[in-house]
C-alpha atoms as a PDB file:
ATOM      1  CA  UNK A   1      33.808 -18.863  11.056  1.00  0.00           C
ATOM      2  CA  UNK A   2      30.293 -18.794  11.358  1.00  0.00           C
ATOM      3  CA  UNK A   3      29.287 -15.391   9.415  1.00  0.00           C
ATOM      4  CA  UNK A   4      27.608 -13.292  11.709  1.00  0.00           C
ATOM      5  CA  UNK A   5      24.506 -11.359  10.294  1.00  0.00           C
ATOM      6  CA  UNK A   6      22.709  -8.250  12.018  1.00  0.00           C
ATOM      7  CA  UNK A   7      19.094  -8.455  11.813  1.00  0.00           C
ATOM      8  CA  UNK A   8      16.470  -6.386  12.348  1.00  0.00           C
ATOM      9  CA  UNK A   9      13.162  -7.934  13.302  1.00  0.00           C
ATOM     10  CA  UNK A  10      10.461  -5.595  12.659  1.00  0.00           C
ATOM     11  CA  UNK A  11       6.892  -4.768  14.280  1.00  0.00           C
ATOM     12  CA  UNK A  12       4.454  -2.614  13.424  1.00  0.00           C
ATOM     13  CA  UNK A  13       1.975  -1.956  16.107  1.00  0.00           C
ATOM     14  CA  UNK A  14      -1.593   0.005  16.665  1.00  0.00           C
ATOM     15  CA  UNK A  15      -2.590  -0.024  19.813  1.00  0.00           C
ATOM     16  CA  UNK A  16      -3.777  -4.260  20.773  1.00  0.00           C
ATOM     17  CA  UNK A  17      -1.973  -5.078  23.237  1.00  0.00           C
ATOM     18  CA  UNK A  18      -2.598  -8.335  23.548  1.00  0.00           C
ATOM     19  CA  UNK A  19      -1.665  -9.347  20.882  1.00  0.00           C
ATOM     20  CA  UNK A  20       1.978  -7.555  20.984  1.00  0.00           C
ATOM     21  CA  UNK A  21       2.012  -8.533  24.466  1.00  0.00           C
ATOM     22  CA  UNK A  22       1.340 -12.491  23.296  1.00  0.00           C
ATOM     23  CA  UNK A  23       3.490 -12.013  20.116  1.00  0.00           C
ATOM     24  CA  UNK A  24       6.844 -10.851  22.321  1.00  0.00           C
ATOM     25  CA  UNK A  25       6.614 -13.405  24.612  1.00  0.00           C
ATOM     26  CA  UNK A  26       6.340 -15.702  21.970  1.00  0.00           C
ATOM     27  CA  UNK A  27       9.721 -14.670  19.952  1.00  0.00           C
ATOM     28  CA  UNK A  28      11.311 -14.563  23.710  1.00  0.00           C
ATOM     29  CA  UNK A  29      10.811 -18.320  23.403  1.00  0.00           C
ATOM     30  CA  UNK A  30      12.850 -18.246  20.528  1.00  0.00           C
ATOM     31  CA  UNK A  31      15.288 -16.997  21.278  1.00  0.00           C
ATOM     32  CA  UNK A  32      17.765 -19.922  22.041  1.00  0.00           C
ATOM     33  CA  UNK A  33      16.705 -21.120  18.305  1.00  0.00           C
ATOM     34  CA  UNK A  34      19.718 -20.819  16.186  1.00  0.00           C
ATOM     35  CA  UNK A  35      18.414 -17.843  13.762  1.00  0.00           C
ATOM     36  CA  UNK A  36      18.317 -15.404  17.251  1.00  0.00           C
ATOM     37  CA  UNK A  37      21.699 -17.543  18.310  1.00  0.00           C
ATOM     38  CA  UNK A  38      24.361 -16.831  15.168  1.00  0.00           C
ATOM     39  CA  UNK A  39      22.889 -13.402  13.813  1.00  0.00           C
ATOM     40  CA  UNK A  40      22.883  -9.994  15.928  1.00  0.00           C
ATOM     41  CA  UNK A  41      18.796  -9.636  16.644  1.00  0.00           C
ATOM     42  CA  UNK A  42      17.120  -5.986  17.025  1.00  0.00           C
ATOM     43  CA  UNK A  43      13.751  -6.260  17.877  1.00  0.00           C
ATOM     44  CA  UNK A  44      12.961  -3.098  16.286  1.00  0.00           C
ATOM     45  CA  UNK A  45       9.426  -2.152  17.653  1.00  0.00           C
ATOM     46  CA  UNK A  46       7.503   0.892  14.982  1.00  0.00           C
ATOM     47  CA  UNK A  47       4.360   1.769  16.755  1.00  0.00           C
ATOM     48  CA  UNK A  48       1.978   4.428  14.913  1.00  0.00           C
ATOM     49  CA  UNK A  49       0.497   6.377  18.290  1.00  0.00           C
ATOM     50  CA  UNK A  50      -0.726   3.196  20.379  1.00  0.00           C
ATOM     51  CA  UNK A  51      -2.481   5.505  23.012  1.00  0.00           C
ATOM     52  CA  UNK A  52      -3.347   1.409  24.679  1.00  0.00           C
ATOM     53  CA  UNK A  53       0.214   1.582  27.346  1.00  0.00           C
ATOM     54  CA  UNK A  54       1.429  -0.662  24.511  1.00  0.00           C
ATOM     55  CA  UNK A  55       5.179   1.215  24.688  1.00  0.00           C
ATOM     56  CA  UNK A  56       5.143   1.743  28.117  1.00  0.00           C
ATOM     57  CA  UNK A  57       4.371  -2.445  28.627  1.00  0.00           C
ATOM     58  CA  UNK A  58       7.206  -2.862  26.469  1.00  0.00           C
ATOM     59  CA  UNK A  59       9.740  -0.602  28.229  1.00  0.00           C
ATOM     60  CA  UNK A  60       9.503  -2.967  31.667  1.00  0.00           C
ATOM     61  CA  UNK A  61       9.870  -5.983  30.195  1.00  0.00           C
ATOM     62  CA  UNK A  62      11.645  -5.872  26.959  1.00  0.00           C
ATOM     63  CA  UNK A  63      13.589  -3.121  27.618  1.00  0.00           C
ATOM     64  CA  UNK A  64      16.449  -4.116  24.662  1.00  0.00           C
ATOM     65  CA  UNK A  65      13.610  -3.371  21.929  1.00  0.00           C
ATOM     66  CA  UNK A  66      13.544   0.110  19.952  1.00  0.00           C
ATOM     67  CA  UNK A  67      10.546   1.468  19.959  1.00  0.00           C
ATOM     68  CA  UNK A  68       9.799   3.609  17.721  1.00  0.00           C
ATOM     69  CA  UNK A  69       7.084   6.735  17.367  1.00  0.00           C
ATOM     70  CA  UNK A  70       5.249   7.342  14.437  1.00  0.00           C
ATOM     71  CA  UNK A  71       2.353  10.294  14.563  1.00  0.00           C
ATOM     72  CA  UNK A  72      -0.741   7.950  14.273  1.00  0.00           C
ATOM     73  CA  UNK A  73      -1.181   8.475  10.465  1.00  0.00           C
ATOM     74  CA  UNK A  74       1.595   6.349   9.048  1.00  0.00           C
ATOM     75  CA  UNK A  75      -0.338   3.234   8.378  1.00  0.00           C
ATOM     76  CA  UNK A  76       1.134  -0.311   7.148  1.00  0.00           C
ATOM     77  CA  UNK A  77       3.256   0.812   5.387  1.00  0.00           C
ATOM     78  CA  UNK A  78       4.702   4.319   6.228  1.00  0.00           C
ATOM     79  CA  UNK A  79       4.816   2.474  10.203  1.00  0.00           C
ATOM     80  CA  UNK A  80       7.031  -0.500   8.255  1.00  0.00           C
ATOM     81  CA  UNK A  81       9.041   2.343   6.335  1.00  0.00           C
ATOM     82  CA  UNK A  82       9.884   3.542   9.688  1.00  0.00           C
ATOM     83  CA  UNK A  83      10.922   0.547  10.453  1.00  0.00           C
ATOM     84  CA  UNK A  84      12.915  -0.542   7.828  1.00  0.00           C
ATOM     85  CA  UNK A  85      14.668   3.049   7.059  1.00  0.00           C
ATOM     86  CA  UNK A  86      16.127   2.404  10.852  1.00  0.00           C
ATOM     87  CA  UNK A  87      17.598  -0.568  10.221  1.00  0.00           C
ATOM     88  CA  UNK A  88      19.352   0.167   6.874  1.00  0.00           C
ATOM     89  CA  UNK A  89      20.573   3.859   8.012  1.00  0.00           C
ATOM     90  CA  UNK A  90      21.206   3.801  11.619  1.00  0.00           C
ATOM     91  CA  UNK A  91      22.412   0.217  13.149  1.00  0.00           C
ATOM     92  CA  UNK A  92      23.169  -0.610   9.166  1.00  0.00           C
ATOM     93  CA  UNK A  93      21.225  -4.184   8.936  1.00  0.00           C
ATOM     94  CA  UNK A  94      22.556  -7.076   6.830  1.00  0.00           C
ATOM     95  CA  UNK A  95      18.083  -7.866   6.368  1.00  0.00           C
ATOM     96  CA  UNK A  96      14.738  -6.959   8.096  1.00  0.00           C
ATOM     97  CA  UNK A  97      12.984  -9.826   8.705  1.00  0.00           C
ATOM     98  CA  UNK A  98       9.153  -8.546   8.547  1.00  0.00           C
ATOM     99  CA  UNK A  99       7.105  -9.506  11.474  1.00  0.00           C
ATOM    100  CA  UNK A 100       2.934  -8.872  12.402  1.00  0.00           C
ATOM    101  CA  UNK A 101       2.242  -8.729  16.679  1.00  0.00           C
ATOM    102  CA  UNK A 102      -0.510 -10.937  15.237  1.00  0.00           C
ATOM    103  CA  UNK A 103       1.825 -14.386  13.349  1.00  0.00           C
ATOM    104  CA  UNK A 104       2.627 -17.404  15.596  1.00  0.00           C
ATOM    105  CA  UNK A 105       5.016 -18.979  14.234  1.00  0.00           C
ATOM    106  CA  UNK A 106       4.950 -23.068  14.446  1.00  0.00           C
ATOM    107  CA  UNK A 107       7.164 -26.108  14.645  1.00  0.00           C
ATOM    108  CA  UNK A 108      11.217 -24.788  14.535  1.00  0.00           C
ATOM    109  CA  UNK A 109      10.123 -21.928  12.294  1.00  0.00           C
ATOM    110  CA  UNK A 110      13.151 -19.466  13.353  1.00  0.00           C
ATOM    111  CA  UNK A 111      15.552 -22.885  12.977  1.00  0.00           C
ATOM    112  CA  UNK A 112      14.578 -23.438   9.299  1.00  0.00           C
ATOM    113  CA  UNK A 113      15.411 -19.458   8.736  1.00  0.00           C
ATOM    114  CA  UNK A 114      18.450 -19.883   9.595  1.00  0.00           C
ATOM    115  CA  UNK A 115      19.172 -22.878   7.162  1.00  0.00           C
ATOM    116  CA  UNK A 116      17.587 -20.669   4.275  1.00  0.00           C
ATOM    117  CA  UNK A 117      19.715 -18.120   5.369  1.00  0.00           C
ATOM    118  CA  UNK A 118      23.312 -20.112   5.128  1.00  0.00           C
ATOM    119  CA  UNK A 119      22.082 -21.475   1.657  1.00  0.00           C
ATOM    120  CA  UNK A 120      20.569 -18.115   0.306  1.00  0.00           C
ATOM    121  CA  UNK A 121      20.957 -17.388  -2.948  1.00  0.00           C
ATOM    122  CA  UNK A 122      21.379 -14.164  -2.477  1.00  0.00           C
ATOM    123  CA  UNK A 123      18.964 -12.812  -5.373  1.00  0.00           C
ATOM    124  CA  UNK A 124      15.277 -13.294  -3.975  1.00  0.00           C
ATOM    125  CA  UNK A 125      13.042 -12.618  -0.654  1.00  0.00           C
ATOM    126  CA  UNK A 126      12.779 -15.259   1.259  1.00  0.00           C
ATOM    127  CA  UNK A 127       8.551 -15.715   2.007  1.00  0.00           C
ATOM    128  CA  UNK A 128       6.679 -17.708   4.635  1.00  0.00           C
ATOM    129  CA  UNK A 129       3.836 -20.213   4.249  1.00  0.00           C
ATOM    130  CA  UNK A 130       0.046 -19.431   6.141  1.00  0.00           C
ATOM    131  CA  UNK A 131      -1.799 -20.390   7.587  1.00  0.00           C
ATOM    132  CA  UNK A 132      -5.633 -19.098   9.598  1.00  0.00           C
ATOM    133  CA  UNK A 133      -4.367 -19.641  13.073  1.00  0.00           C
ATOM    134  CA  UNK A 134      -8.508 -20.537  14.013  1.00  0.00           C
ATOM    135  CA  UNK A 135      -8.140 -24.009  11.549  1.00  0.00           C
ATOM    136  CA  UNK A 136      -3.741 -24.031  11.105  1.00  0.00           C
ATOM    137  CA  UNK A 137      -4.371 -27.130   9.072  1.00  0.00           C
ATOM    138  CA  UNK A 138      -5.195 -24.643   6.664  1.00  0.00           C
ATOM    139  CA  UNK A 139      -3.461 -22.588   3.795  1.00  0.00           C
ATOM    140  CA  UNK A 140      -4.098 -18.875   3.980  1.00  0.00           C
ATOM    141  CA  UNK A 141      -1.464 -17.977   1.307  1.00  0.00           C
ATOM    142  CA  UNK A 142       2.140 -19.526   0.209  1.00  0.00           C
ATOM    143  CA  UNK A 143       1.826 -16.396  -1.437  1.00  0.00           C
ATOM    144  CA  UNK A 144       0.009 -15.109  -4.406  1.00  0.00           C
ATOM    145  CA  UNK A 145      -0.285 -14.693  -8.048  1.00  0.00           C
ATOM    146  CA  UNK A 146      -0.723 -11.714 -10.936  1.00  0.00           C
ATOM    147  CA  UNK A 147      -1.442 -11.261 -14.742  1.00  0.00           C
ATOM    148  CA  UNK A 148      -0.790  -7.996 -15.570  1.00  0.00           C
ATOM    149  CA  UNK A 149      -2.654  -9.032 -18.762  1.00  0.00           C
ATOM    150  CA  UNK A 150      -5.922 -10.448 -18.060  1.00  0.00           C
ATOM    151  CA  UNK A 151      -5.531  -8.810 -14.344  1.00  0.00           C
ATOM    152  CA  UNK A 152      -5.831 -11.677 -12.652  1.00  0.00           C
ATOM    153  CA  UNK A 153      -5.002 -11.647  -9.008  1.00  0.00           C
ATOM    154  CA  UNK A 154      -5.107 -14.136  -6.028  1.00  0.00           C
ATOM    155  CA  UNK A 155      -3.784 -15.845  -2.741  1.00  0.00           C
ATOM    156  CA  UNK A 156      -1.951 -19.618  -3.414  1.00  0.00           C
ATOM    157  CA  UNK A 157      -4.052 -21.984  -1.123  1.00  0.00           C
ATOM    158  CA  UNK A 158      -6.309 -19.835   0.219  1.00  0.00           C
ATOM    159  CA  UNK A 159      -8.408 -21.954   2.442  1.00  0.00           C
ATOM    160  CA  UNK A 160      -7.113 -25.351   1.287  1.00  0.00           C
ATOM    161  CA  UNK A 161      -6.173 -28.111   3.629  1.00  0.00           C
ATOM    162  CA  UNK A 162      -2.530 -28.635   3.680  1.00  0.00           C
ATOM    163  CA  UNK A 163      -0.721 -30.578   1.046  1.00  0.00           C
ATOM    164  CA  UNK A 164       1.981 -32.715  -0.338  1.00  0.00           C
ATOM    165  CA  UNK A 165       1.145 -29.919  -3.548  1.00  0.00           C
ATOM    166  CA  UNK A 166       2.308 -27.234  -1.238  1.00  0.00           C
ATOM    167  CA  UNK A 167       5.214 -28.499   0.140  1.00  0.00           C
ATOM    168  CA  UNK A 168       8.432 -27.430  -1.878  1.00  0.00           C
ATOM    169  CA  UNK A 169       9.366 -24.074  -2.600  1.00  0.00           C
ATOM    170  CA  UNK A 170       7.271 -21.797  -4.603  1.00  0.00           C
ATOM    171  CA  UNK A 171       8.237 -19.187  -7.125  1.00  0.00           C
ATOM    172  CA  UNK A 172       5.273 -16.500  -6.980  1.00  0.00           C
ATOM    173  CA  UNK A 173       4.601 -12.632  -8.221  1.00  0.00           C
ATOM    174  CA  UNK A 174       3.879 -11.554  -4.634  1.00  0.00           C
ATOM    175  CA  UNK A 175       3.626 -12.432  -1.145  1.00  0.00           C
ATOM    176  CA  UNK A 176       2.274 -10.921   1.658  1.00  0.00           C
ATOM    177  CA  UNK A 177       4.087  -8.861   4.225  1.00  0.00           C
ATOM    178  CA  UNK A 178       4.720 -11.196   7.232  1.00  0.00           C
ATOM    179  CA  UNK A 179       7.737 -13.789   7.523  1.00  0.00           C
ATOM    180  CA  UNK A 180       9.560 -12.419   4.681  1.00  0.00           C
ATOM    181  CA  UNK A 181      13.608 -11.743   4.802  1.00  0.00           C
ATOM    182  CA  UNK A 182      14.781  -9.503   2.951  1.00  0.00           C
ATOM    183  CA  UNK A 183      18.354  -8.072   2.006  1.00  0.00           C
ATOM    184  CA  UNK A 184      19.169  -4.748   2.082  1.00  0.00           C
ATOM    185  CA  UNK A 185      20.458  -4.966  -1.979  1.00  0.00           C
ATOM    186  CA  UNK A 186      16.984  -5.550  -2.156  1.00  0.00           C
ATOM    187  CA  UNK A 187      15.797  -2.543  -0.694  1.00  0.00           C
ATOM    188  CA  UNK A 188      18.784   0.010  -2.146  1.00  0.00           C
ATOM    189  CA  UNK A 189      18.012  -1.414  -5.770  1.00  0.00           C
ATOM    190  CA  UNK A 190      14.131  -1.234  -5.470  1.00  0.00           C
ATOM    191  CA  UNK A 191      13.651   1.258  -2.351  1.00  0.00           C
ATOM    192  CA  UNK A 192      10.379   1.656   0.306  1.00  0.00           C
ATOM    193  CA  UNK A 193       6.637   0.055   0.966  1.00  0.00           C
ATOM    194  CA  UNK A 194       4.615   2.214  -1.374  1.00  0.00           C
ATOM    195  CA  UNK A 195       2.769   4.559   1.781  1.00  0.00           C
ATOM    196  CA  UNK A 196       1.445   7.100  -0.193  1.00  0.00           C
ATOM    197  CA  UNK A 197      -0.647   4.745  -3.118  1.00  0.00           C
ATOM    198  CA  UNK A 198      -0.562   1.688  -1.199  1.00  0.00           C
ATOM    199  CA  UNK A 199      -0.741   2.886   2.830  1.00  0.00           C
ATOM    200  CA  UNK A 200      -2.604  -0.764   4.565  1.00  0.00           C
ATOM    201  CA  UNK A 201      -3.425  -2.781   2.394  1.00  0.00           C
ATOM    202  CA  UNK A 202      -1.583  -4.176  -0.865  1.00  0.00           C
ATOM    203  CA  UNK A 203       1.843  -2.550   0.276  1.00  0.00           C
ATOM    204  CA  UNK A 204       3.417  -6.152   0.910  1.00  0.00           C
ATOM    205  CA  UNK A 205       2.000  -7.507  -2.923  1.00  0.00           C
ATOM    206  CA  UNK A 206       2.916  -4.028  -4.475  1.00  0.00           C
ATOM    207  CA  UNK A 207       6.645  -3.790  -2.988  1.00  0.00           C
ATOM    208  CA  UNK A 208       6.320  -8.065  -4.075  1.00  0.00           C
ATOM    209  CA  UNK A 209       5.882  -7.229  -7.603  1.00  0.00           C
ATOM    210  CA  UNK A 210       8.649  -4.479  -7.729  1.00  0.00           C
ATOM    211  CA  UNK A 211      10.654  -6.856  -6.274  1.00  0.00           C
ATOM    212  CA  UNK A 212      10.536  -9.719  -9.232  1.00  0.00           C
ATOM    213  CA  UNK A 213      10.345  -6.145 -11.876  1.00  0.00           C
ATOM    214  CA  UNK A 214      13.708  -6.215 -10.224  1.00  0.00           C
ATOM    215  CA  UNK A 215      14.890  -8.886 -11.216  1.00  0.00           C
ATOM    216  CA  UNK A 216      14.599 -10.580  -7.909  1.00  0.00           C
ATOM    217  CA  UNK A 217      12.311 -14.120  -6.958  1.00  0.00           C
ATOM    218  CA  UNK A 218      10.248 -14.125  -4.183  1.00  0.00           C
ATOM    219  CA  UNK A 219      10.577 -17.883  -2.923  1.00  0.00           C
ATOM    220  CA  UNK A 220       7.857 -18.990  -0.356  1.00  0.00           C
ATOM    221  CA  UNK A 221       9.411 -22.132   1.916  1.00  0.00           C
ATOM    222  CA  UNK A 222       7.332 -24.308   2.960  1.00  0.00           C
ATOM    223  CA  UNK A 223       9.132 -25.337   6.505  1.00  0.00           C
ATOM    224  CA  UNK A 224       8.711 -21.228   7.264  1.00  0.00           C
ATOM    225  CA  UNK A 225       4.552 -21.805   8.394  1.00  0.00           C
ATOM    226  CA  UNK A 226       3.141 -18.890  10.228  1.00  0.00           C
ATOM    227  CA  UNK A 227      -0.819 -18.758  12.115  1.00  0.00           C
ATOM    228  CA  UNK A 228      -2.502 -15.732  11.316  1.00  0.00           C
ATOM    229  CA  UNK A 229      -5.658 -14.137  13.103  1.00  0.00           C
ATOM    230  CA  UNK A 230      -7.307 -13.363   9.911  1.00  0.00           C
ATOM    231  CA  UNK A 231     -10.391 -11.486  12.894  1.00  0.00           C
ATOM    232  CA  UNK A 232      -7.578  -8.491  13.296  1.00  0.00           C
ATOM    233  CA  UNK A 233      -7.432  -7.996   9.782  1.00  0.00           C
ATOM    234  CA  UNK A 234      -9.419  -4.834   8.337  1.00  0.00           C
ATOM    235  CA  UNK A 235     -12.764  -4.028   7.192  1.00  0.00           C
ATOM    236  CA  UNK A 236     -14.785  -6.584   5.575  1.00  0.00           C
ATOM    237  CA  UNK A 237     -19.025  -6.883   4.484  1.00  0.00           C
ATOM    238  CA  UNK A 238     -18.363 -10.616   5.675  1.00  0.00           C
ATOM    239  CA  UNK A 239     -18.404  -9.047   9.826  1.00  0.00           C
ATOM    240  CA  UNK A 240     -19.861  -5.708   9.305  1.00  0.00           C
ATOM    241  CA  UNK A 241     -23.362  -6.437   7.419  1.00  0.00           C
ATOM    242  CA  UNK A 242     -24.621  -3.284   7.542  1.00  0.00           C
ATOM    243  CA  UNK A 243     -25.392  -1.120   4.339  1.00  0.00           C
ATOM    244  CA  UNK A 244     -22.764   1.425   5.573  1.00  0.00           C
ATOM    245  CA  UNK A 245     -21.030  -0.374   6.572  1.00  0.00           C
ATOM    246  CA  UNK A 246     -20.667  -2.040   2.923  1.00  0.00           C
ATOM    247  CA  UNK A 247     -20.093   1.345   1.597  1.00  0.00           C
ATOM    248  CA  UNK A 248     -17.506   2.200   4.342  1.00  0.00           C
ATOM    249  CA  UNK A 249     -15.596  -0.331   3.147  1.00  0.00           C
ATOM    250  CA  UNK A 250     -15.565  -0.375  -0.747  1.00  0.00           C
ATOM    251  CA  UNK A 251     -13.457   3.145   0.324  1.00  0.00           C
ATOM    252  CA  UNK A 252     -11.764   3.035   3.622  1.00  0.00           C
ATOM    253  CA  UNK A 253      -8.399   2.829   3.849  1.00  0.00           C
ATOM    254  CA  UNK A 254      -8.941  -0.150   6.303  1.00  0.00           C
ATOM    255  CA  UNK A 255     -10.311  -2.563   3.634  1.00  0.00           C
ATOM    256  CA  UNK A 256      -8.897  -4.630   1.588  1.00  0.00           C
ATOM    257  CA  UNK A 257     -11.824  -4.030  -0.221  1.00  0.00           C
ATOM    258  CA  UNK A 258     -11.062  -0.852  -1.574  1.00  0.00           C
ATOM    259  CA  UNK A 259     -12.108   0.578  -4.585  1.00  0.00           C
ATOM    260  CA  UNK A 260      -9.670   3.166  -4.389  1.00  0.00           C
ATOM    261  CA  UNK A 261      -6.689   1.124  -3.539  1.00  0.00           C
ATOM    262  CA  UNK A 262      -7.799  -2.013  -6.208  1.00  0.00           C
ATOM    263  CA  UNK A 263      -7.624   1.097  -9.099  1.00  0.00           C
ATOM    264  CA  UNK A 264      -4.468   2.480  -8.127  1.00  0.00           C
ATOM    265  CA  UNK A 265      -2.424  -0.847  -8.107  1.00  0.00           C
ATOM    266  CA  UNK A 266      -3.959  -2.061 -11.091  1.00  0.00           C
ATOM    267  CA  UNK A 267      -2.684   1.445 -12.908  1.00  0.00           C
ATOM    268  CA  UNK A 268       1.039   0.253 -11.237  1.00  0.00           C
ATOM    269  CA  UNK A 269       1.037  -3.546 -12.655  1.00  0.00           C
ATOM    270  CA  UNK A 270      -1.294  -3.595 -15.126  1.00  0.00           C
ATOM    271  CA  UNK A 271      -0.082  -3.804 -19.166  1.00  0.00           C
ATOM    272  CA  UNK A 272      -3.254  -4.654 -20.276  1.00  0.00           C
ATOM    273  CA  UNK A 273      -6.977  -2.068 -20.333  1.00  0.00           C
ATOM    274  CA  UNK A 274      -8.374  -6.390 -20.183  1.00  0.00           C
ATOM    275  CA  UNK A 275      -7.259  -6.628 -16.632  1.00  0.00           C
ATOM    276  CA  UNK A 276      -9.442  -4.327 -15.271  1.00  0.00           C
ATOM    277  CA  UNK A 277     -12.203  -6.476 -16.664  1.00  0.00           C
ATOM    278  CA  UNK A 278     -11.291  -8.188 -13.516  1.00  0.00           C
ATOM    279  CA  UNK A 279     -11.660  -5.255 -10.569  1.00  0.00           C
ATOM    280  CA  UNK A 280     -15.000  -5.166 -11.852  1.00  0.00           C
ATOM    281  CA  UNK A 281     -16.065  -8.823 -11.903  1.00  0.00           C
ATOM    282  CA  UNK A 282     -14.472  -8.619  -7.879  1.00  0.00           C
ATOM    283  CA  UNK A 283     -17.112  -5.751  -6.901  1.00  0.00           C
ATOM    284  CA  UNK A 284     -20.187  -7.350  -8.879  1.00  0.00           C
ATOM    285  CA  UNK A 285     -19.322 -10.057  -7.388  1.00  0.00           C
ATOM    286  CA  UNK A 286     -18.905  -8.099  -3.758  1.00  0.00           C
ATOM    287  CA  UNK A 287     -21.600  -6.150  -4.248  1.00  0.00           C
ATOM    288  CA  UNK A 288     -24.342  -9.513  -4.937  1.00  0.00           C
ATOM    289  CA  UNK A 289     -22.749 -11.565  -2.131  1.00  0.00           C
ATOM    290  CA  UNK A 290     -23.783  -8.750   0.246  1.00  0.00           C
ATOM    291  CA  UNK A 291     -26.506  -8.312  -1.075  1.00  0.00           C
ATOM    292  CA  UNK A 292     -27.767 -12.027  -0.664  1.00  0.00           C
ATOM    293  CA  UNK A 293     -26.550 -12.683   2.949  1.00  0.00           C
ATOM    294  CA  UNK A 294     -28.439  -9.307   3.220  1.00  0.00           C
ATOM    295  CA  UNK A 295     -31.563 -10.723   2.248  1.00  0.00           C
ATOM    296  CA  UNK A 296     -30.528 -14.211   3.614  1.00  0.00           C
ATOM    297  CA  UNK A 297     -29.723 -13.034   7.394  1.00  0.00           C
ATOM    298  CA  UNK A 298     -33.553 -11.420   7.689  1.00  0.00           C
ATOM    299  CA  UNK A 299     -34.554 -15.152   7.619  1.00  0.00           C
ATOM    300  CA  UNK A 300     -31.454 -16.473   9.812  1.00  0.00           C
ATOM    301  CA  UNK A 301     -29.202 -17.688   7.549  1.00  0.00           C
ATOM    302  CA  UNK A 302     -25.665 -16.927   8.514  1.00  0.00           C
ATOM    303  CA  UNK A 303     -22.405 -17.826   5.958  1.00  0.00           C
ATOM    304  CA  UNK A 304     -19.948 -20.240   7.335  1.00  0.00           C
ATOM    305  CA  UNK A 305     -16.498 -19.188   8.016  1.00  0.00           C
ATOM    306  CA  UNK A 306     -17.391 -15.454   8.117  1.00  0.00           C
ATOM    307  CA  UNK A 307     -14.326 -14.124   9.772  1.00  0.00           C
ATOM    308  CA  UNK A 308     -12.439 -15.766   7.238  1.00  0.00           C
ATOM    309  CA  UNK A 309     -10.655 -13.351   3.775  1.00  0.00           C
END
């Protein structure tokens, strides 16, 4: 007899109704895959105070979706925790599948996920390989690396054309929080996402590193392919070139280049003072890049792929 697993697919949202509509329409088309047919799948929309009609649209078109409401100040980690806590404590789910409303599964994603689930080793997070939506043959991330001594941190395969080197299961230090299947025992041992220190960015990386430290593995499976719409991601000096927006990007929760966030991350995971040299290097390059393209912009020169981060 096939084991029926209870799985919660959690989608954190704040406005962006068009993305949520596309997301649910795509997921609805996957209902005949083995993953949806052979498991008890519960869709959870964790809505952190949307004001664009998100809740009303979902209730009308997908009435079986569980909707949880935040107060508008939860950000990514808090909103994800809202869904995870409900799934584990109220629904008693076996697995959590982290999702986003701006990702698109490619090919037989969910059938492949079912095969992986049936052969799960019992000691790992199952992670996805992510591509750019606007360049579907180009890798956004196949997990990430972080050297706690040197401080080197990066996304594996970023901006690389897909090739055989990235078509094998890969153990990584950390993973993006998109298309990640997590067993309840991992949350029991590791805890939830750190919504205090990493409310928006690095919450997924911090969680993955804690998972690794707890003795589990982060495995990226190349057959789990997702397209990510990076145009919707945060504040960046690449698309917002005013000096004010540049300064805001250094401190805003909405920025993946927040100094505060990065310092907290290194305080949590770096094991040597040498690691902080990488932070200094990062922000010198970041500032230099802004100045360079600001000046070139005066002469009409624009950076290619400026919506990619």
